[in-house]
C-alpha cells in the first residue's frame, strides 16, 4: 500500500474531535487537592494571623464575620444540546447581528433542546470570538490576496463572506496592507471622518456587520454593569456585607496606581453557596459555554482571585454548560435573581 493511500485511509478512520473541554468528572478527580487548598484559603481569609497578611480589599482590623448559607438552584445545559446548537448557530461569513428570520430559525431549533434562544445567541458569540482569535494568523497570511480583491472593487462585507473572517478585522488588515501603522489605524477608527470616502463607507458597513470585533462595545458594558448591580443588591438584601467592584477599583487606583484585583463582589462575611465557600463573585453577562477560548480566558482571571482570597463563584446571566468546571469556582446561573430591570436587553 502506498504512503499516500495509507494517509488517506488513516484520515478516514480518524474520529471527529469531541465537542467541549475535558469531562467534568475527570477534572474534578484530577483537581481534588487544588479544590481543598482553594477552599482552605477562602476559609482562612478572616484570620490575618494565620494568613500572615491582610487580604486585598479587607479592613485593617480583624472582625468576626457573619455566616450565610445559600442553596442556589441551577439548571445547567446538557453538553449534548450545546453541541447540537453550536453546529447550527454559526455559519460561514456570518459575524453580525442576526435578522429576525434567522433568530426565529434558531428559536425553533432550540425548542426540543434544553438550551434557549437567548443562550444559543450568547453561545454563538463565544464561538465567534474563538473562531476570530484562532483564525487571526490565517487571516493575516491572506492579507495580500484580500487587498487585491479590495482594490478590484470587492467590499469588506463581501470579503468577510468569501474568506470567513470578521469584517472589522479584514478592514484593519486591508489598512495594514496599505502601509498604515497600528497607531494610525487605532486613531482613525475612533475618528472615522478622517477616512477617505470609500474607507469611511466600508468602515461603517463593516461595523454594522460585525458584533465580534466592532469598535463600539458601550451597550454591552452597560448591560453587564446593570446585571452586576442586580447581583450585588440581592446579596446586600440578604444582609451580607460586601464590597463592589467600583470601590475596589478606586481604592487600588489610589493605593497601587492601578486596579489589580477587582471581582464584581468581594464578600466581607463568611458565605457558603451549594456547600462551597465563596469569597468573591464575578458576574458574567453571557452564557457559560464549554468553549475553549472562553474557558481559558475566564480561568486565567479567576485564578488571580483564587490566589488572593481562595474559592469563589461565577454567576452567568444566561446560564452555563453542565460540563463547565474550574476547581475553586462555583458555577451559578441567574435563577434566584429578579431580572425585570433587564427586560428587553438581550
Protein backbone atom coordinates (compact mmCIF):
# COMPACT_ATOMS: atom_id res chain seq x y z
CA UNK A 1 0.00 0.00 0.00
CA UNK A 2 1.41 3.40 -0.95
CA UNK A 3 2.14 6.06 1.65
CA UNK A 4 -0.46 8.40 0.14
CA UNK A 5 -3.14 5.69 0.28
CA UNK A 6 -2.30 4.85 3.91
CA UNK A 7 -2.55 8.53 4.89
CA UNK A 8 -5.88 8.89 3.18
CA UNK A 9 -7.31 5.79 4.84
CA UNK A 10 -5.99 6.78 8.28
CA UNK A 11 -7.67 10.17 7.85
CA UNK A 12 -10.95 8.46 7.08
CA UNK A 13 -10.70 6.35 10.24
CA UNK A 14 -9.87 9.30 12.48
CA UNK A 15 -12.64 10.03 14.97
CA UNK A 16 -14.13 13.52 14.88
CA UNK A 17 -12.87 15.75 17.67
CA UNK A 18 -15.07 15.62 20.76
CA UNK A 19 -17.00 18.83 21.41
CA UNK A 20 -16.15 20.78 24.55
CA UNK A 21 -13.38 20.52 27.10
CA UNK A 22 -12.26 17.61 29.28
CA UNK A 23 -15.05 15.72 31.02
CA UNK A 24 -16.14 17.42 34.22
CA UNK A 25 -15.90 14.21 36.27
CA UNK A 26 -12.28 13.73 35.18
CA UNK A 27 -11.38 17.34 36.01
CA UNK A 28 -12.98 17.07 39.44
CA UNK A 29 -10.94 13.97 40.20
CA UNK A 30 -7.70 15.49 38.90
CA UNK A 31 -8.08 18.73 40.87
CA UNK A 32 -9.30 17.39 44.23
CA UNK A 33 -6.22 18.59 46.09
CA UNK A 34 -6.41 22.01 44.40
CA UNK A 35 -10.04 22.42 45.44
CA UNK A 36 -9.18 21.57 49.05
CA UNK A 37 -6.36 24.14 49.03
CA UNK A 38 -8.55 26.85 47.46
CA UNK A 39 -11.38 26.23 49.93
CA UNK A 40 -8.97 26.34 52.85
CA UNK A 41 -7.60 29.66 51.61
CA UNK A 42 -11.15 31.07 51.47
CA UNK A 43 -11.93 29.86 54.98
CA UNK A 44 -8.73 31.37 56.41
CA UNK A 45 -9.11 34.80 54.83
CA UNK A 46 -10.60 36.27 58.03
CA UNK A 47 -7.71 35.05 60.18
CA UNK A 48 -4.99 37.61 59.44
CA UNK A 49 -2.51 35.97 61.83
CA UNK A 50 -2.66 32.53 60.23
CA UNK A 51 -2.77 34.05 56.77
CA UNK A 52 0.22 36.28 57.51
CA UNK A 53 -1.21 39.36 55.78
CA UNK A 54 -4.40 41.35 55.29
CA UNK A 55 -6.29 40.25 52.16
CA UNK A 56 -6.70 42.87 49.45
CA UNK A 57 -9.88 44.87 49.97
CA UNK A 58 -10.34 43.85 53.62
CA UNK A 59 -10.44 46.24 56.62
CA UNK A 60 -7.21 46.83 58.54
CA UNK A 61 -8.65 45.39 61.74
CA UNK A 62 -9.88 41.82 62.01
CA UNK A 63 -13.61 41.43 62.50
CA UNK A 64 -15.79 38.44 63.25
CA UNK A 65 -17.73 37.75 60.05
CA UNK A 66 -21.37 36.77 59.96
CA UNK A 67 -22.13 33.40 58.37
CA UNK A 68 -24.54 32.91 55.47
CA UNK A 69 -25.51 29.68 53.74
CA UNK A 70 -27.42 29.68 50.46
CA UNK A 71 -28.89 26.90 48.37
CA UNK A 72 -28.77 28.23 44.81
CA UNK A 73 -30.80 26.11 42.42
CA UNK A 74 -29.21 25.94 38.97
CA UNK A 75 -30.28 24.42 35.66
CA UNK A 76 -27.14 23.67 33.61
CA UNK A 77 -27.43 22.97 29.89
CA UNK A 78 -26.61 19.38 28.81
CA UNK A 79 -23.40 19.27 26.78
CA UNK A 80 -25.11 17.27 24.02
CA UNK A 81 -27.65 20.07 23.49
CA UNK A 82 -24.95 22.73 23.50
CA UNK A 83 -23.06 20.75 20.87
CA UNK A 84 -26.12 20.48 18.61
CA UNK A 85 -26.74 24.21 18.89
CA UNK A 86 -23.06 25.04 18.31
CA UNK A 87 -23.19 23.24 14.97
CA UNK A 88 -26.35 25.11 13.96
CA UNK A 89 -25.81 28.63 15.22
CA UNK A 90 -22.59 29.57 13.37
CA UNK A 91 -22.48 29.98 9.59
CA UNK A 92 -19.66 30.89 7.23
CA UNK A 93 -19.22 34.63 6.84
CA UNK A 94 -21.94 35.44 9.38
CA UNK A 95 -20.43 37.69 12.08
CA UNK A 96 -23.04 40.39 12.58
CA UNK A 97 -26.34 40.84 14.35
CA UNK A 98 -28.89 38.38 13.04
CA UNK A 99 -32.08 39.38 11.30
CA UNK A 100 -35.46 38.38 12.73
CA UNK A 101 -35.86 35.40 10.39
CA UNK A 102 -32.54 33.90 11.45
CA UNK A 103 -33.34 34.48 15.15
CA UNK A 104 -36.72 32.78 14.67
CA UNK A 105 -34.94 29.89 12.98
CA UNK A 106 -32.61 29.49 15.96
CA UNK A 107 -35.54 29.73 18.38
CA UNK A 108 -37.38 26.98 16.51
CA UNK A 109 -34.26 24.78 16.53
CA UNK A 110 -33.91 25.28 20.30
CA UNK A 111 -37.46 24.19 21.16
CA UNK A 112 -36.78 20.43 21.55
CA UNK A 113 -33.44 21.15 23.28
CA UNK A 114 -32.62 22.25 26.82
CA UNK A 115 -30.96 25.42 25.56
CA UNK A 116 -32.94 28.59 24.98
CA UNK A 117 -32.69 31.00 22.06
CA UNK A 118 -31.01 33.59 24.32
CA UNK A 119 -28.46 31.02 25.45
CA UNK A 120 -27.92 30.00 21.83
CA UNK A 121 -27.21 33.58 20.75
CA UNK A 122 -24.73 34.00 23.60
CA UNK A 123 -23.12 30.67 22.68
CA UNK A 124 -22.80 31.98 19.13
CA UNK A 125 -20.86 35.00 20.43
CA UNK A 126 -18.41 32.72 22.29
CA UNK A 127 -17.90 30.54 19.23
CA UNK A 128 -17.35 33.57 17.00
CA UNK A 129 -14.79 35.00 19.44
CA UNK A 130 -12.92 31.71 19.41
CA UNK A 131 -13.13 31.47 15.64
CA UNK A 132 -11.80 35.03 15.35
CA UNK A 133 -8.86 34.57 17.73
CA UNK A 134 -7.76 31.18 16.43
CA UNK A 135 -8.12 32.27 12.80
CA UNK A 136 -6.28 35.58 13.11
CA UNK A 137 -2.92 34.41 11.80
CA UNK A 138 -4.56 32.69 8.85
CA UNK A 139 -6.36 35.95 8.06
CA UNK A 140 -3.07 37.87 8.19
CA UNK A 141 -1.46 35.37 5.81
CA UNK A 142 -4.20 36.10 3.28
CA UNK A 143 -3.84 39.86 3.59
CA UNK A 144 -2.32 40.45 0.15
CA UNK A 145 -4.97 38.37 -1.56
CA UNK A 146 -7.77 40.20 0.25
CA UNK A 147 -6.18 43.58 -0.55
CA UNK A 148 -6.05 42.60 -4.22
CA UNK A 149 -9.77 41.76 -4.15
CA UNK A 150 -10.48 45.02 -2.34
CA UNK A 151 -8.66 47.09 -4.96
CA UNK A 152 -10.67 45.32 -7.64
CA UNK A 153 -13.86 46.60 -6.03
CA UNK A 154 -14.93 43.88 -3.60
CA UNK A 155 -16.42 45.33 -0.39
CA UNK A 156 -15.27 44.46 3.13
CA UNK A 157 -18.56 42.66 3.84
CA UNK A 158 -18.17 40.63 0.64
CA UNK A 159 -14.60 39.77 1.64
CA UNK A 160 -15.89 38.61 5.02
CA UNK A 161 -18.33 36.22 3.38
CA UNK A 162 -15.68 34.95 0.97
CA UNK A 163 -12.84 34.42 3.46
CA UNK A 164 -14.88 33.81 6.65
CA UNK A 165 -13.19 36.39 8.87
CA UNK A 166 -14.84 39.24 10.83
CA UNK A 167 -15.41 42.38 8.72
CA UNK A 168 -13.64 44.76 11.10
CA UNK A 169 -10.58 42.52 11.29
CA UNK A 170 -10.46 42.37 7.50
CA UNK A 171 -10.85 46.15 7.32
CA UNK A 172 -7.91 46.64 9.68
CA UNK A 173 -5.84 44.11 7.71
CA UNK A 174 -6.57 45.98 4.47
CA UNK A 175 -5.25 49.15 6.07
CA UNK A 176 -2.12 47.26 7.17
CA UNK A 177 -1.62 46.08 3.58
CA UNK A 178 -1.90 49.73 2.51
CA UNK A 179 1.00 50.59 4.83
CA UNK A 180 -0.90 52.04 7.78
CA UNK A 181 0.70 51.76 11.23
CA UNK A 182 -1.17 50.25 14.18
CA UNK A 183 -1.35 53.63 15.92
CA UNK A 184 -2.76 55.34 12.82
CA UNK A 185 -5.40 52.62 12.44
CA UNK A 186 -6.36 52.87 16.13
CA UNK A 187 -6.68 56.65 16.00
CA UNK A 188 -8.63 56.74 12.75
CA UNK A 189 -11.25 54.09 13.61
CA UNK A 190 -12.07 56.29 16.61
CA UNK A 191 -12.46 59.30 14.31
CA UNK A 192 -13.88 57.84 11.05
CA UNK A 193 -14.28 61.28 9.45
CA UNK A 194 -10.53 61.13 8.75
CA UNK A 195 -11.01 58.23 6.33
CA UNK A 196 -11.36 58.72 2.61
CA UNK A 197 -14.93 58.48 1.31
CA UNK A 198 -14.70 54.79 0.36
CA UNK A 199 -12.87 53.80 3.53
CA UNK A 200 -15.41 55.60 5.70
CA UNK A 201 -18.29 53.84 3.95
CA UNK A 202 -16.51 50.48 4.21
CA UNK A 203 -15.79 51.10 7.92
CA UNK A 204 -19.44 51.88 8.66
CA UNK A 205 -20.64 48.82 6.75
CA UNK A 206 -18.06 46.60 8.48
CA UNK A 207 -19.08 47.89 11.92
CA UNK A 208 -22.72 47.19 11.11
CA UNK A 209 -21.93 43.62 10.02
CA UNK A 210 -19.62 42.73 12.92
CA UNK A 211 -20.59 42.07 16.53
CA UNK A 212 -17.27 40.39 17.37
CA UNK A 213 -14.58 42.93 16.51
CA UNK A 214 -16.56 46.17 16.24
CA UNK A 215 -15.23 49.30 17.91
CA UNK A 216 -18.29 50.37 19.93
CA UNK A 217 -18.91 47.96 22.83
CA UNK A 218 -20.56 50.54 25.11
CA UNK A 219 -24.03 48.98 25.02
CA UNK A 220 -22.64 45.60 26.06
CA UNK A 221 -20.82 47.19 29.01
CA UNK A 222 -23.99 48.99 30.17
CA UNK A 223 -25.94 45.71 30.26
CA UNK A 224 -23.13 43.97 32.14
CA UNK A 225 -22.99 46.80 34.71
CA UNK A 226 -26.75 46.56 35.27
CA UNK A 227 -26.50 42.80 35.86
CA UNK A 228 -23.66 43.27 38.35
CA UNK A 229 -25.75 45.82 40.29
CA UNK A 230 -28.74 43.45 40.48
CA UNK A 231 -26.50 40.67 41.80
CA UNK A 232 -24.78 42.82 44.45
CA UNK A 233 -28.13 44.27 45.54
CA UNK A 234 -29.51 40.73 46.01
CA UNK A 235 -26.77 39.76 48.44
CA UNK A 236 -26.99 43.02 50.35
CA UNK A 237 -30.75 42.47 50.67
CA UNK A 238 -29.90 39.17 52.40
CA UNK A 239 -27.77 41.11 54.89
CA UNK A 240 -24.36 40.12 53.50
CA UNK A 241 -21.58 42.70 53.86
CA UNK A 242 -19.59 43.11 50.67
CA UNK A 243 -17.54 45.43 48.54
CA UNK A 244 -18.38 46.19 44.93
CA UNK A 245 -16.01 46.44 42.01
CA UNK A 246 -16.10 50.26 41.66
CA UNK A 247 -14.97 50.61 45.31
CA UNK A 248 -12.09 48.19 44.74
CA UNK A 249 -11.07 49.92 41.50
CA UNK A 250 -10.98 53.33 43.21
CA UNK A 251 -9.09 52.06 46.26
CA UNK A 252 -6.46 50.18 44.27
CA UNK A 253 -6.02 53.03 41.78
CA UNK A 254 -5.15 55.34 44.67
CA UNK A 255 -3.05 52.87 46.67
CA UNK A 256 -1.33 50.93 43.89
CA UNK A 257 -1.55 53.28 40.93
CA UNK A 258 -3.88 50.93 39.04
CA UNK A 259 -6.60 48.35 39.75
CA UNK A 260 -5.19 44.82 40.01
CA UNK A 261 -7.74 42.54 41.74
CA UNK A 262 -11.32 43.64 41.19
CA UNK A 263 -14.02 40.95 41.22
CA UNK A 264 -17.55 42.29 40.90
CA UNK A 265 -18.28 41.32 44.52
CA UNK A 266 -15.87 40.74 47.41
CA UNK A 267 -17.57 39.27 50.49
CA UNK A 268 -16.64 40.59 53.93
CA UNK A 269 -18.79 37.88 55.52
CA UNK A 270 -18.47 34.10 55.52
CA UNK A 271 -20.62 32.95 52.59
CA UNK A 272 -21.29 29.38 51.52
CA UNK A 273 -23.25 28.53 48.37
CA UNK A 274 -24.29 24.99 47.48
CA UNK A 275 -21.89 23.61 50.07
CA UNK A 276 -18.82 25.53 48.84
CA UNK A 277 -17.11 28.57 50.40
CA UNK A 278 -17.46 31.66 48.22
CA UNK A 279 -15.10 34.55 48.97
CA UNK A 280 -15.88 36.55 45.83
CA UNK A 281 -18.22 36.54 42.83
CA UNK A 282 -17.78 37.62 39.24
CA UNK A 283 -20.90 38.35 37.20
CA UNK A 284 -20.82 37.33 33.54
CA UNK A 285 -23.48 38.80 31.29
CA UNK A 286 -23.35 35.82 28.93
CA UNK A 287 -23.82 32.06 28.67
CA UNK A 288 -21.05 29.98 30.26
CA UNK A 289 -20.22 27.86 27.23
CA UNK A 290 -17.86 24.88 27.22
CA UNK A 291 -15.79 26.65 24.57
CA UNK A 292 -12.02 26.52 24.89
CA UNK A 293 -11.13 30.17 24.33
CA UNK A 294 -13.79 31.49 26.70
CA UNK A 295 -12.94 28.89 29.35
CA UNK A 296 -9.19 29.64 29.28
CA UNK A 297 -9.80 33.38 29.45
CA UNK A 298 -12.09 33.01 32.48
CA UNK A 299 -9.77 30.57 34.26
CA UNK A 300 -6.84 32.99 33.96
CA UNK A 301 -8.93 35.76 35.51
CA UNK A 302 -10.44 33.57 38.26
CA UNK A 303 -7.08 32.15 39.33
CA UNK A 304 -5.90 35.65 40.21
CA UNK A 305 -8.85 35.99 42.60
CA UNK A 306 -8.34 32.48 43.98
CA UNK A 307 -4.66 33.20 44.68
CA UNK A 308 -5.68 36.18 46.84
CA UNK A 309 -8.93 35.13 48.54
CA UNK A 310 -9.49 31.43 47.82
CA UNK A 311 -12.57 29.87 46.24
CA UNK A 312 -15.32 32.00 44.70
CA UNK A 313 -18.11 31.81 42.15
CA UNK A 314 -19.29 33.00 38.75
CA UNK A 315 -22.91 33.94 38.13
CA UNK A 316 -23.84 33.68 34.45
CA UNK A 317 -26.75 35.80 33.26
CA UNK A 318 -27.66 33.20 30.62
CA UNK A 319 -26.78 30.01 32.50
CA UNK A 320 -23.93 27.62 31.80
CA UNK A 321 -22.91 24.26 30.37
CA UNK A 322 -23.11 21.23 32.64
CA UNK A 323 -19.55 20.32 31.62
CA UNK A 324 -18.01 23.67 32.60
CA UNK A 325 -15.76 23.17 35.63
CA UNK A 326 -12.93 25.07 37.30
CA UNK A 327 -11.58 23.99 40.69
CA UNK A 328 -12.41 26.65 43.26
CA UNK A 329 -15.14 28.28 41.16
CA UNK A 330 -18.80 27.50 41.86
CA UNK A 331 -20.87 27.88 38.69
CA UNK A 332 -24.23 29.61 39.17
CA UNK A 333 -26.99 30.91 36.93
CA UNK A 334 -29.32 33.87 37.44
CA UNK A 335 -32.25 31.73 38.60
CA UNK A 336 -32.88 33.38 42.02
CA UNK A 337 -32.46 36.94 40.73
CA UNK A 338 -35.17 39.38 39.62
CA UNK A 339 -34.03 40.43 36.15
CA UNK A 340 -37.04 42.59 35.36
CA UNK A 341 -34.76 45.64 35.16
CA UNK A 342 -33.01 43.94 32.25
CA UNK A 343 -36.19 43.33 30.23
CA UNK A 344 -35.77 43.96 26.51
CA UNK A 345 -32.00 43.78 26.97
CA UNK A 346 -30.72 40.54 25.38
